[in-house]
Protein backbone atom coordinates (compact mmCIF):
# COMPACT_ATOMS: atom_id res chain seq x y z
CA UNK A 1 10.76 -6.88 2.36
CA UNK A 2 8.50 -5.58 -0.41
CA UNK A 3 8.19 -2.19 1.24
CA UNK A 4 11.84 -1.53 2.00
CA UNK A 5 13.60 -3.35 -0.78
CA UNK A 6 16.50 -5.72 -0.25
CA UNK A 7 19.51 -3.69 0.92
CA UNK A 8 21.41 -6.79 2.04
CA UNK A 9 21.02 -8.42 -1.40
CA UNK A 10 20.36 -11.77 0.32
CA UNK A 11 17.66 -14.03 -1.15
CA UNK A 12 14.28 -13.42 0.46
CA UNK A 13 13.12 -15.97 3.04
CA UNK A 14 10.74 -18.48 1.51
CA UNK A 15 8.73 -19.00 4.69
CA UNK A 16 7.93 -15.32 5.29
CA UNK A 17 4.14 -14.95 5.53
CA UNK A 18 2.36 -12.43 3.36
CA UNK A 19 -0.57 -10.33 4.49
CA UNK A 20 -3.85 -12.18 4.39
CA UNK A 21 -7.52 -11.39 4.60
CA UNK A 22 -9.71 -8.58 3.42
CA UNK A 23 -9.51 -5.28 5.25
CA UNK A 24 -12.70 -3.26 5.15
CA UNK A 25 -14.59 -2.56 8.39
CA UNK A 26 -13.09 -0.04 10.82
CA UNK A 27 -13.01 -0.79 14.55
CA UNK A 28 -16.33 -0.32 16.35
CA UNK A 29 -14.87 2.31 18.66
CA UNK A 30 -14.01 4.74 15.84
CA UNK A 31 -15.97 8.00 15.72
CA UNK A 32 -17.46 9.38 12.47
CA UNK A 33 -14.30 11.30 11.45
CA UNK A 34 -12.10 8.26 12.02
CA UNK A 35 -14.48 6.04 10.05
CA UNK A 36 -14.43 8.50 7.15
CA UNK A 37 -10.61 8.60 7.17
CA UNK A 38 -10.45 4.79 7.36
CA UNK A 39 -12.68 4.42 4.32
CA UNK A 40 -10.73 7.13 2.49
CA UNK A 41 -7.49 5.19 3.05
CA UNK A 42 -8.94 1.87 1.91
CA UNK A 43 -10.65 3.35 -1.15
CA UNK A 44 -7.48 5.18 -2.26
CA UNK A 45 -4.88 2.51 -1.48
CA UNK A 46 -3.57 0.51 -4.41
CA UNK A 47 -5.65 -2.62 -5.00
CA UNK A 48 -4.36 -5.50 -2.90
CA UNK A 49 -1.96 -3.29 -0.92
CA UNK A 50 -3.75 -3.49 2.43
CA UNK A 51 -4.81 -6.76 4.01
CA UNK A 52 -6.43 -7.72 7.28
CA UNK A 53 -2.99 -8.21 8.84
CA UNK A 54 -2.37 -4.48 8.30
CA UNK A 55 -5.37 -3.54 10.42
CA UNK A 56 -3.56 -2.20 13.47
CA UNK A 57 -1.11 -0.13 11.43
CA UNK A 58 -4.05 1.40 9.58
CA UNK A 59 -5.75 2.05 12.95
CA UNK A 60 -2.65 3.96 14.13
CA UNK A 61 -2.47 5.94 10.88
CA UNK A 62 -6.18 6.76 10.96
CA UNK A 63 -6.20 7.95 14.57
CA UNK A 64 -3.06 10.02 14.02
CA UNK A 65 -4.52 11.54 10.87
CA UNK A 66 -7.74 12.62 12.57
CA UNK A 67 -5.95 13.94 15.68
CA UNK A 68 -3.51 15.81 13.46
CA UNK A 69 -6.40 17.50 11.67
CA UNK A 70 -8.13 18.38 14.94
CA UNK A 71 -4.99 19.85 16.47
CA UNK A 72 -4.21 21.74 13.26
CA UNK A 73 -7.65 23.35 13.38
CA UNK A 74 -6.93 24.53 16.93
CA UNK A 75 -3.60 26.00 15.87
CA UNK A 76 -5.31 27.84 13.02
CA UNK A 77 -7.96 29.16 15.36
CA UNK A 78 -5.62 30.25 18.17
CA UNK A 79 -2.38 30.91 16.29
CA UNK A 80 1.07 29.41 16.83
CA UNK A 81 1.72 31.66 19.81
CA UNK A 82 -0.84 32.12 22.60
CA UNK A 83 -0.90 34.19 25.78
CA UNK A 84 -1.13 32.70 29.25
CA UNK A 85 -3.42 34.12 31.95
CA UNK A 86 -0.42 36.15 33.11
CA UNK A 87 0.04 37.61 29.62
CA UNK A 88 3.17 35.63 28.69
CA UNK A 89 3.50 34.48 25.09
CA UNK A 90 3.98 30.72 24.74
CA UNK A 91 3.89 28.18 21.95
CA UNK A 92 0.37 26.92 21.29
CA UNK A 93 -0.02 23.65 23.26
CA UNK A 94 -1.63 22.06 20.18
CA UNK A 95 1.53 22.53 18.09
CA UNK A 96 3.42 19.57 19.63
CA UNK A 97 0.31 17.45 19.03
CA UNK A 98 0.30 18.45 15.36
CA UNK A 99 3.99 17.58 15.02
CA UNK A 100 3.78 14.28 16.90
CA UNK A 101 0.74 13.06 14.99
CA UNK A 102 2.44 14.00 11.72
CA UNK A 103 5.41 11.81 12.63
CA UNK A 104 3.12 8.92 13.55
CA UNK A 105 1.24 9.33 10.28
CA UNK A 106 4.47 9.33 8.28
CA UNK A 107 5.82 6.21 9.98
CA UNK A 108 2.61 4.22 9.78
CA UNK A 109 1.94 5.46 6.27
CA UNK A 110 5.38 4.40 5.08
CA UNK A 111 4.76 0.92 6.47
CA UNK A 112 1.62 0.69 4.34
CA UNK A 113 2.98 2.23 1.14
CA UNK A 114 1.27 5.61 1.62
CA UNK A 115 4.27 7.75 0.65
CA UNK A 116 5.96 8.21 -2.73
CA UNK A 117 9.20 6.69 -1.43
CA UNK A 118 7.52 3.63 0.06
CA UNK A 119 5.46 3.08 -3.10
CA UNK A 120 8.62 3.26 -5.18
CA UNK A 121 10.28 0.61 -3.03
CA UNK A 122 7.40 -1.84 -3.44
CA UNK A 123 7.11 -1.21 -7.16
CA UNK A 124 4.29 0.07 -9.30
CA UNK A 125 1.10 -1.94 -8.94
CA UNK A 126 -0.10 -1.46 -12.50
CA UNK A 127 1.28 -0.10 -15.72
CA UNK A 128 1.18 3.59 -16.43
CA UNK A 129 -1.59 4.62 -18.85
CA UNK A 130 0.99 5.59 -21.48
CA UNK A 131 4.62 4.98 -22.30
CA UNK A 132 5.93 7.49 -19.77
CA UNK A 133 5.88 6.61 -16.09
CA UNK A 134 3.58 8.87 -14.15
CA UNK A 135 2.00 10.47 -17.21
CA UNK A 136 -1.77 10.49 -17.06
CA UNK A 137 -3.71 11.23 -20.21
CA UNK A 138 -5.47 14.57 -20.19
CA UNK A 139 -3.19 16.28 -17.66
CA UNK A 140 -1.21 19.43 -18.35
CA UNK A 141 1.96 17.34 -18.08
CA UNK A 142 0.72 14.94 -20.74
CA UNK A 143 -0.19 17.84 -23.03
CA UNK A 144 3.22 19.49 -22.51
CA UNK A 145 5.11 16.28 -23.19
CA UNK A 146 3.10 15.54 -26.33
CA UNK A 147 3.72 19.03 -27.71
CA UNK A 148 7.31 19.48 -26.60
CA UNK A 149 9.07 16.16 -25.95
CA UNK A 150 12.32 16.50 -24.11
CA UNK A 151 15.14 14.18 -23.15
CA UNK A 152 13.01 12.03 -20.85
CA UNK A 153 12.72 9.31 -23.48
CA UNK A 154 16.48 9.29 -24.11
CA UNK A 155 17.40 8.56 -20.48
């Protein structure tokens, strides 16, 4: 319910279990690229967002992410259109892999709060560093807003 909001406006169930446990170690069968992506996801996820009960969703996201990158490299190397032995031009066979893995990544990532929309639906984990949401001190946006405030504060 935290991820997708409450479209029905019904009170949340009181007996709904929350995620439990600490999620850190990747599965033993992961290769080096998958382990690196796993650790990247855990280190960059909002604190407390992922728990041990999210393990399999993170496994799906991690595998899809690595396979997406591998297939994308093949598309870059060979191009989007390749020639068969007979000389016919066809779509690169790695292109459907790129597209499918991207869809899997998006679905699994949304389940874990890895997209802007899914993060917005679960709420902000911690307060913004300043009075304006999303403003980070020292960024060009922060400098612009401090020098030339606009109607953002009046909204």
